[in-house]
Amino acid sequence: MRYPTISVIIPTFNSEATIDKCLSSVRKQDYPQRKIEIIIADGGSSDETKGIVSKYKVKWIGVDPRKQNVEYNKSTGIQKAKGELLLM
């Protein structure tokens, strides 16, 4: 069976309350982890988001805080995605 590569794009901004559970859930999926790329598009979090995310293998993209909002952050992540399928 052939598994497509997947890019999981997660827009964040001060997401310390939820990001660990989110990333843990992605990593617990019954899917070849080497086929999953996680992209964090962060708009300049000032809480512990970046520290929490650093425990996981992800691609961190800093988004200009003056432009950041959920849709802009998503589109920034999409531009960097390499997977055959995109999940948001």
PDB file of N, CA and C in Angstrom:
ATOM      1  N   MET A   1       0.836  -1.177   0.000  1.00  0.00           N
ATOM      2  CA  MET A   1       0.000   0.000   0.000  1.00  0.00           C
ATOM      3  C   MET A   1       0.884   1.245   0.000  1.00  0.00           C
ATOM      4  N   ARG A   2       0.535   2.202  -0.822  1.00  0.00           N
ATOM      5  CA  ARG A   2       1.269   3.458  -0.907  1.00  0.00           C
ATOM      6  C   ARG A   2       0.568   4.513  -0.064  1.00  0.00           C
ATOM      7  N   TYR A   3       1.318   5.149   0.822  1.00  0.00           N
ATOM      8  CA  TYR A   3       0.779   6.220   1.659  1.00  0.00           C
ATOM      9  C   TYR A   3       1.254   7.559   1.113  1.00  0.00           C
ATOM     10  N   PRO A   4       0.337   8.505   0.843  1.00  0.00           N
ATOM     11  CA  PRO A   4       0.767   9.828   0.390  1.00  0.00           C
ATOM     12  C   PRO A   4       1.408  10.614   1.530  1.00  0.00           C
ATOM     13  N   THR A   5       2.244  11.565   1.178  1.00  0.00           N
ATOM     14  CA  THR A   5       2.810  12.455   2.187  1.00  0.00           C
ATOM     15  C   THR A   5       1.744  13.484   2.576  1.00  0.00           C
ATOM     16  N   ILE A   6       1.765  13.856   3.837  1.00  0.00           N
ATOM     17  CA  ILE A   6       0.758  14.765   4.372  1.00  0.00           C
ATOM     18  C   ILE A   6       1.447  15.939   5.057  1.00  0.00           C
ATOM     19  N   SER A   7       0.994  17.137   4.763  1.00  0.00           N
ATOM     20  CA  SER A   7       1.429  18.333   5.482  1.00  0.00           C
ATOM     21  C   SER A   7       0.277  18.776   6.371  1.00  0.00           C
ATOM     22  N   VAL A   8       0.531  18.818   7.670  1.00  0.00           N
ATOM     23  CA  VAL A   8      -0.452  19.290   8.644  1.00  0.00           C
ATOM     24  C   VAL A   8      -0.071  20.725   8.985  1.00  0.00           C
ATOM     25  N   ILE A   9      -0.908  21.667   8.604  1.00  0.00           N
ATOM     26  CA  ILE A   9      -0.630  23.081   8.815  1.00  0.00           C
ATOM     27  C   ILE A   9      -1.429  23.568  10.013  1.00  0.00           C
ATOM     28  N   ILE A  10      -0.700  24.082  11.008  1.00  0.00           N
ATOM     29  CA  ILE A  10      -1.331  24.528  12.244  1.00  0.00           C
ATOM     30  C   ILE A  10      -0.981  25.996  12.471  1.00  0.00           C
ATOM     31  N   PRO A  11      -1.960  26.897  12.297  1.00  0.00           N
ATOM     32  CA  PRO A  11      -1.716  28.302  12.609  1.00  0.00           C
ATOM     33  C   PRO A  11      -1.788  28.496  14.125  1.00  0.00           C
ATOM     34  N   THR A  12      -0.833  29.234  14.681  1.00  0.00           N
ATOM     35  CA  THR A  12      -0.833  29.440  16.133  1.00  0.00           C
ATOM     36  C   THR A  12      -0.587  30.903  16.490  1.00  0.00           C
ATOM     37  N   PHE A  13      -1.063  31.244  17.661  1.00  0.00           N
ATOM     38  CA  PHE A  13      -0.737  32.512  18.317  1.00  0.00           C
ATOM     39  C   PHE A  13      -1.140  32.348  19.780  1.00  0.00           C
ATOM     40  N   ASN A  14      -0.151  32.325  20.649  1.00  0.00           N
ATOM     41  CA  ASN A  14      -0.379  32.125  22.084  1.00  0.00           C
ATOM     42  C   ASN A  14      -1.289  30.916  22.336  1.00  0.00           C
ATOM     43  N   SER A  15      -0.847  29.771  21.858  1.00  0.00           N
ATOM     44  CA  SER A  15      -1.644  28.542  21.899  1.00  0.00           C
ATOM     45  C   SER A  15      -1.170  27.542  22.947  1.00  0.00           C
ATOM     46  N   GLU A  16      -0.507  28.017  23.996  1.00  0.00           N
ATOM     47  CA  GLU A  16       0.050  27.094  24.984  1.00  0.00           C
ATOM     48  C   GLU A  16      -0.990  26.176  25.624  1.00  0.00           C
ATOM     49  N   ALA A  17      -2.227  26.600  25.696  1.00  0.00           N
ATOM     50  CA  ALA A  17      -3.270  25.787  26.339  1.00  0.00           C
ATOM     51  C   ALA A  17      -3.698  24.591  25.493  1.00  0.00           C
ATOM     52  N   THR A  18      -3.453  24.630  24.197  1.00  0.00           N
ATOM     53  CA  THR A  18      -3.980  23.584  23.318  1.00  0.00           C
ATOM     54  C   THR A  18      -2.945  22.905  22.429  1.00  0.00           C
ATOM     55  N   ILE A  19      -1.796  23.518  22.211  1.00  0.00           N
ATOM     56  CA  ILE A  19      -0.873  23.023  21.187  1.00  0.00           C
ATOM     57  C   ILE A  19      -0.272  21.656  21.520  1.00  0.00           C
ATOM     58  N   ASP A  20       0.001  21.372  22.782  1.00  0.00           N
ATOM     59  CA  ASP A  20       0.574  20.076  23.140  1.00  0.00           C
ATOM     60  C   ASP A  20      -0.403  18.942  22.801  1.00  0.00           C
ATOM     61  N   LYS A  21      -1.647  19.100  23.158  1.00  0.00           N
ATOM     62  CA  LYS A  21      -2.655  18.081  22.866  1.00  0.00           C
ATOM     63  C   LYS A  21      -2.826  17.911  21.352  1.00  0.00           C
ATOM     64  N   CYS A  22      -2.804  19.010  20.630  1.00  0.00           N
ATOM     65  CA  CYS A  22      -2.947  18.968  19.176  1.00  0.00           C
ATOM     66  C   CYS A  22      -1.795  18.189  18.537  1.00  0.00           C
ATOM     67  N   LEU A  23      -0.555  18.547  18.882  1.00  0.00           N
ATOM     68  CA  LEU A  23       0.596  17.886  18.288  1.00  0.00           C
ATOM     69  C   LEU A  23       0.702  16.427  18.722  1.00  0.00           C
ATOM     70  N   SER A  24       0.388  16.149  19.960  1.00  0.00           N
ATOM     71  CA  SER A  24       0.392  14.777  20.456  1.00  0.00           C
ATOM     72  C   SER A  24      -0.601  13.926  19.668  1.00  0.00           C
ATOM     73  N   SER A  25      -1.752  14.483  19.389  1.00  0.00           N
ATOM     74  CA  SER A  25      -2.778  13.770  18.633  1.00  0.00           C
ATOM     75  C   SER A  25      -2.302  13.446  17.214  1.00  0.00           C
ATOM     76  N   VAL A  26      -1.640  14.393  16.578  1.00  0.00           N
ATOM     77  CA  VAL A  26      -1.119  14.139  15.228  1.00  0.00           C
ATOM     78  C   VAL A  26      -0.088  13.024  15.271  1.00  0.00           C
ATOM     79  N   ARG A  27       0.794  13.061  16.248  1.00  0.00           N
ATOM     80  CA  ARG A  27       1.861  12.062  16.342  1.00  0.00           C
ATOM     81  C   ARG A  27       1.361  10.685  16.756  1.00  0.00           C
ATOM     82  N   LYS A  28       0.181  10.589  17.334  1.00  0.00           N
ATOM     83  CA  LYS A  28      -0.370   9.294  17.738  1.00  0.00           C
ATOM     84  C   LYS A  28      -1.172   8.615  16.625  1.00  0.00           C
ATOM     85  N   GLN A  29      -1.296   9.264  15.494  1.00  0.00           N
ATOM     86  CA  GLN A  29      -2.076   8.692  14.398  1.00  0.00           C
ATOM     87  C   GLN A  29      -1.460   7.396  13.899  1.00  0.00           C
ATOM     88  N   ASP A  30      -2.307   6.487  13.471  1.00  0.00           N
ATOM     89  CA  ASP A  30      -1.865   5.230  12.889  1.00  0.00           C
ATOM     90  C   ASP A  30      -1.562   5.473  11.410  1.00  0.00           C
ATOM     91  N   TYR A  31      -0.460   6.159  11.185  1.00  0.00           N
ATOM     92  CA  TYR A  31      -0.038   6.545   9.847  1.00  0.00           C
ATOM     93  C   TYR A  31       1.485   6.654   9.915  1.00  0.00           C
ATOM     94  N   PRO A  32       2.192   6.267   8.880  1.00  0.00           N
ATOM     95  CA  PRO A  32       3.659   6.345   8.936  1.00  0.00           C
ATOM     96  C   PRO A  32       4.124   7.782   9.236  1.00  0.00           C
ATOM     97  N   GLN A  33       4.754   7.955  10.382  1.00  0.00           N
ATOM     98  CA  GLN A  33       5.155   9.303  10.808  1.00  0.00           C
ATOM     99  C   GLN A  33       6.144   9.955   9.851  1.00  0.00           C
ATOM    100  N   ARG A  34       6.936   9.150   9.151  1.00  0.00           N
ATOM    101  CA  ARG A  34       7.877   9.722   8.188  1.00  0.00           C
ATOM    102  C   ARG A  34       7.153  10.376   7.018  1.00  0.00           C
ATOM    103  N   LYS A  35       5.878  10.090   6.882  1.00  0.00           N
ATOM    104  CA  LYS A  35       5.060  10.656   5.804  1.00  0.00           C
ATOM    105  C   LYS A  35       4.297  11.908   6.243  1.00  0.00           C
ATOM    106  N   ILE A  36       4.464  12.299   7.515  1.00  0.00           N
ATOM    107  CA  ILE A  36       3.735  13.455   8.052  1.00  0.00           C
ATOM    108  C   ILE A  36       4.699  14.601   8.320  1.00  0.00           C
ATOM    109  N   GLU A  37       4.409  15.725   7.700  1.00  0.00           N
ATOM    110  CA  GLU A  37       5.136  16.969   7.940  1.00  0.00           C
ATOM    111  C   GLU A  37       4.189  17.881   8.727  1.00  0.00           C
ATOM    112  N   ILE A  38       4.659  18.387   9.858  1.00  0.00           N
ATOM    113  CA  ILE A  38       3.850  19.328  10.624  1.00  0.00           C
ATOM    114  C   ILE A  38       4.468  20.707  10.485  1.00  0.00           C
ATOM    115  N   ILE A  39       3.644  21.654  10.078  1.00  0.00           N
ATOM    116  CA  ILE A  39       4.089  23.038   9.919  1.00  0.00           C
ATOM    117  C   ILE A  39       3.335  23.907  10.918  1.00  0.00           C
ATOM    118  N   ILE A  40       4.087  24.597  11.759  1.00  0.00           N
ATOM    119  CA  ILE A  40       3.518  25.554  12.704  1.00  0.00           C
ATOM    120  C   ILE A  40       3.766  26.941  12.124  1.00  0.00           C
ATOM    121  N   ALA A  41       2.703  27.660  11.832  1.00  0.00           N
ATOM    122  CA  ALA A  41       2.798  29.033  11.335  1.00  0.00           C
ATOM    123  C   ALA A  41       2.355  29.945  12.470  1.00  0.00           C
ATOM    124  N   ASP A  42       3.344  30.519  13.161  1.00  0.00           N
ATOM    125  CA  ASP A  42       3.068  31.261  14.391  1.00  0.00           C
ATOM    126  C   ASP A  42       3.205  32.764  14.180  1.00  0.00           C
ATOM    127  N   GLY A  43       2.234  33.487  14.714  1.00  0.00           N
ATOM    128  CA  GLY A  43       2.177  34.928  14.554  1.00  0.00           C
ATOM    129  C   GLY A  43       2.845  35.720  15.657  1.00  0.00           C
ATOM    130  N   GLY A  44       3.884  35.176  16.278  1.00  0.00           N
ATOM    131  CA  GLY A  44       4.622  35.916  17.294  1.00  0.00           C
ATOM    132  C   GLY A  44       4.146  35.649  18.712  1.00  0.00           C
ATOM    133  N   SER A  45       3.879  34.400  19.021  1.00  0.00           N
ATOM    134  CA  SER A  45       3.410  34.040  20.363  1.00  0.00           C
ATOM    135  C   SER A  45       4.364  34.553  21.432  1.00  0.00           C
ATOM    136  N   SER A  46       3.786  35.045  22.529  1.00  0.00           N
ATOM    137  CA  SER A  46       4.585  35.536  23.651  1.00  0.00           C
ATOM    138  C   SER A  46       4.429  34.633  24.875  1.00  0.00           C
ATOM    139  N   ASP A  47       3.706  33.530  24.727  1.00  0.00           N
ATOM    140  CA  ASP A  47       3.528  32.575  25.822  1.00  0.00           C
ATOM    141  C   ASP A  47       4.501  31.402  25.612  1.00  0.00           C
ATOM    142  N   GLU A  48       4.187  30.241  26.105  1.00  0.00           N
ATOM    143  CA  GLU A  48       5.073  29.076  26.022  1.00  0.00           C
ATOM    144  C   GLU A  48       4.856  28.218  24.779  1.00  0.00           C
ATOM    145  N   THR A  49       4.138  28.731  23.790  1.00  0.00           N
ATOM    146  CA  THR A  49       3.856  27.945  22.584  1.00  0.00           C
ATOM    147  C   THR A  49       5.130  27.387  21.959  1.00  0.00           C
ATOM    148  N   LYS A  50       6.109  28.225  21.717  1.00  0.00           N
ATOM    149  CA  LYS A  50       7.330  27.771  21.027  1.00  0.00           C
ATOM    150  C   LYS A  50       8.069  26.720  21.848  1.00  0.00           C
ATOM    151  N   GLY A  51       8.125  26.860  23.153  1.00  0.00           N
ATOM    152  CA  GLY A  51       8.776  25.866  24.001  1.00  0.00           C
ATOM    153  C   GLY A  51       8.085  24.522  23.940  1.00  0.00           C
ATOM    154  N   ILE A  52       6.771  24.534  23.946  1.00  0.00           N
ATOM    155  CA  ILE A  52       5.995  23.289  23.859  1.00  0.00           C
ATOM    156  C   ILE A  52       6.214  22.628  22.504  1.00  0.00           C
ATOM    157  N   VAL A  53       6.150  23.426  21.460  1.00  0.00           N
ATOM    158  CA  VAL A  53       6.311  22.910  20.093  1.00  0.00           C
ATOM    159  C   VAL A  53       7.701  22.310  19.891  1.00  0.00           C
ATOM    160  N   SER A  54       8.703  22.847  20.569  1.00  0.00           N
ATOM    161  CA  SER A  54      10.080  22.375  20.378  1.00  0.00           C
ATOM    162  C   SER A  54      10.259  20.907  20.788  1.00  0.00           C
ATOM    163  N   LYS A  55       9.316  20.337  21.524  1.00  0.00           N
ATOM    164  CA  LYS A  55       9.394  18.922  21.915  1.00  0.00           C
ATOM    165  C   LYS A  55       9.018  17.989  20.761  1.00  0.00           C
ATOM    166  N   TYR A  56       8.491  18.547  19.702  1.00  0.00           N
ATOM    167  CA  TYR A  56       8.016  17.750  18.565  1.00  0.00           C
ATOM    168  C   TYR A  56       8.852  18.076  17.330  1.00  0.00           C
ATOM    169  N   LYS A  57       8.880  17.125  16.405  1.00  0.00           N
ATOM    170  CA  LYS A  57       9.569  17.364  15.140  1.00  0.00           C
ATOM    171  C   LYS A  57       8.598  18.111  14.221  1.00  0.00           C
ATOM    172  N   VAL A  58       8.807  19.413  14.114  1.00  0.00           N
ATOM    173  CA  VAL A  58       7.934  20.255  13.292  1.00  0.00           C
ATOM    174  C   VAL A  58       8.779  21.279  12.537  1.00  0.00           C
ATOM    175  N   LYS A  59       8.157  21.891  11.548  1.00  0.00           N
ATOM    176  CA  LYS A  59       8.761  23.024  10.851  1.00  0.00           C
ATOM    177  C   LYS A  59       8.100  24.277  11.422  1.00  0.00           C
ATOM    178  N   TRP A  60       8.882  25.163  12.019  1.00  0.00           N
ATOM    179  CA  TRP A  60       8.384  26.396  12.634  1.00  0.00           C
ATOM    180  C   TRP A  60       8.542  27.539  11.634  1.00  0.00           C
ATOM    181  N   ILE A  61       7.444  28.235  11.364  1.00  0.00           N
ATOM    182  CA  ILE A  61       7.481  29.398  10.488  1.00  0.00           C
ATOM    183  C   ILE A  61       6.979  30.596  11.276  1.00  0.00           C
ATOM    184  N   GLY A  62       7.817  31.597  11.402  1.00  0.00           N
ATOM    185  CA  GLY A  62       7.403  32.830  12.066  1.00  0.00           C
ATOM    186  C   GLY A  62       6.662  33.722  11.083  1.00  0.00           C
ATOM    187  N   VAL A  63       5.494  34.174  11.479  1.00  0.00           N
ATOM    188  CA  VAL A  63       4.670  35.054  10.648  1.00  0.00           C
ATOM    189  C   VAL A  63       4.768  36.469  11.215  1.00  0.00           C
ATOM    190  N   ASP A  64       4.857  37.446  10.348  1.00  0.00           N
ATOM    191  CA  ASP A  64       4.911  38.841  10.780  1.00  0.00           C
ATOM    192  C   ASP A  64       3.720  39.139  11.695  1.00  0.00           C
ATOM    193  N   PRO A  65       3.963  39.499  12.951  1.00  0.00           N
ATOM    194  CA  PRO A  65       2.861  39.737  13.895  1.00  0.00           C
ATOM    195  C   PRO A  65       1.870  40.815  13.437  1.00  0.00           C
ATOM    196  N   ARG A  66       2.329  41.737  12.614  1.00  0.00           N
ATOM    197  CA  ARG A  66       1.417  42.792  12.129  1.00  0.00           C
ATOM    198  C   ARG A  66       0.422  42.261  11.112  1.00  0.00           C
ATOM    199  N   LYS A  67       0.745  41.139  10.482  1.00  0.00           N
ATOM    200  CA  LYS A  67      -0.134  40.565   9.461  1.00  0.00           C
ATOM    201  C   LYS A  67      -0.880  39.342   9.963  1.00  0.00           C
ATOM    202  N   GLN A  68      -0.451  38.778  11.073  1.00  0.00           N
ATOM    203  CA  GLN A  68      -0.946  37.483  11.509  1.00  0.00           C
ATOM    204  C   GLN A  68      -2.427  37.487  11.837  1.00  0.00           C
ATOM    205  N   ASN A  69      -3.073  36.483  11.338  1.00  0.00           N
ATOM    206  CA  ASN A  69      -4.430  36.078  11.716  1.00  0.00           C
ATOM    207  C   ASN A  69      -4.543  34.636  11.229  1.00  0.00           C
ATOM    208  N   VAL A  70      -5.554  33.944  11.622  1.00  0.00           N
ATOM    209  CA  VAL A  70      -5.605  32.504  11.338  1.00  0.00           C
ATOM    210  C   VAL A  70      -5.505  32.210   9.839  1.00  0.00           C
ATOM    211  N   GLU A  71      -6.175  32.963   9.006  1.00  0.00           N
ATOM    212  CA  GLU A  71      -6.152  32.686   7.564  1.00  0.00           C
ATOM    213  C   GLU A  71      -4.802  33.034   6.946  1.00  0.00           C
ATOM    214  N   TYR A  72      -4.218  34.132   7.355  1.00  0.00           N
ATOM    215  CA  TYR A  72      -2.900  34.514   6.835  1.00  0.00           C
ATOM    216  C   TYR A  72      -1.862  33.481   7.268  1.00  0.00           C
ATOM    217  N   ASN A  73      -1.924  33.062   8.522  1.00  0.00           N
ATOM    218  CA  ASN A  73      -0.978  32.065   9.016  1.00  0.00           C
ATOM    219  C   ASN A  73      -1.126  30.753   8.242  1.00  0.00           C
ATOM    220  N   LYS A  74      -2.367  30.342   7.986  1.00  0.00           N
ATOM    221  CA  LYS A  74      -2.591  29.120   7.200  1.00  0.00           C
ATOM    222  C   LYS A  74      -1.972  29.244   5.810  1.00  0.00           C
ATOM    223  N   SER A  75      -2.224  30.358   5.143  1.00  0.00           N
ATOM    224  CA  SER A  75      -1.703  30.520   3.781  1.00  0.00           C
ATOM    225  C   SER A  75      -0.177  30.543   3.773  1.00  0.00           C
ATOM    226  N   THR A  76       0.432  31.104   4.813  1.00  0.00           N
ATOM    227  CA  THR A  76       1.887  31.089   4.927  1.00  0.00           C
ATOM    228  C   THR A  76       2.382  29.647   5.060  1.00  0.00           C
ATOM    229  N   GLY A  77       1.704  28.840   5.869  1.00  0.00           N
ATOM    230  CA  GLY A  77       2.058  27.437   6.013  1.00  0.00           C
ATOM    231  C   GLY A  77       1.880  26.658   4.725  1.00  0.00           C
ATOM    232  N   ILE A  78       0.811  26.920   4.014  1.00  0.00           N
ATOM    233  CA  ILE A  78       0.543  26.236   2.743  1.00  0.00           C
ATOM    234  C   ILE A  78       1.673  26.479   1.753  1.00  0.00           C
ATOM    235  N   GLN A  79       2.177  27.694   1.716  1.00  0.00           N
ATOM    236  CA  GLN A  79       3.266  28.030   0.788  1.00  0.00           C
ATOM    237  C   GLN A  79       4.526  27.213   1.054  1.00  0.00           C
ATOM    238  N   LYS A  80       4.718  26.788   2.286  1.00  0.00           N
ATOM    239  CA  LYS A  80       5.919  26.023   2.657  1.00  0.00           C
ATOM    240  C   LYS A  80       5.695  24.508   2.646  1.00  0.00           C
ATOM    241  N   ALA A  81       4.460  24.081   2.477  1.00  0.00           N
ATOM    242  CA  ALA A  81       4.118  22.662   2.561  1.00  0.00           C
ATOM    243  C   ALA A  81       4.695  21.879   1.384  1.00  0.00           C
ATOM    244  N   LYS A  82       5.124  20.655   1.677  1.00  0.00           N
ATOM    245  CA  LYS A  82       5.681  19.774   0.648  1.00  0.00           C
ATOM    246  C   LYS A  82       4.840  18.511   0.461  1.00  0.00           C
ATOM    247  N   GLY A  83       3.839  18.298   1.304  1.00  0.00           N
ATOM    248  CA  GLY A  83       3.043  17.077   1.228  1.00  0.00           C
ATOM    249  C   GLY A  83       2.135  17.034   0.018  1.00  0.00           C
ATOM    250  N   GLU A  84       1.756  15.810  -0.332  1.00  0.00           N
ATOM    251  CA  GLU A  84       0.788  15.616  -1.414  1.00  0.00           C
ATOM    252  C   GLU A  84      -0.606  16.015  -0.978  1.00  0.00           C
ATOM    253  N   LEU A  85      -0.886  15.856   0.307  1.00  0.00           N
ATOM    254  CA  LEU A  85      -2.184  16.239   0.892  1.00  0.00           C
ATOM    255  C   LEU A  85      -1.943  17.292   1.961  1.00  0.00           C
ATOM    256  N   LEU A  86      -2.860  18.239   2.074  1.00  0.00           N
ATOM    257  CA  LEU A  86      -2.765  19.279   3.093  1.00  0.00           C
ATOM    258  C   LEU A  86      -3.907  19.095   4.090  1.00  0.00           C
ATOM    259  N   LEU A  87      -3.581  19.162   5.367  1.00  0.00           N
ATOM    260  CA  LEU A  87      -4.583  19.118   6.436  1.00  0.00           C
ATOM    261  C   LEU A  87      -4.457  20.371   7.257  1.00  0.00           C
ATOM    262  N   MET A  88      -5.610  20.949   7.595  1.00  0.00           N
ATOM    263  CA  MET A  88      -5.600  22.147   8.432  1.00  0.00           C
ATOM    264  C   MET A  88      -6.667  22.002   9.487  1.00  0.00           C
TER     265      MET A  88
END
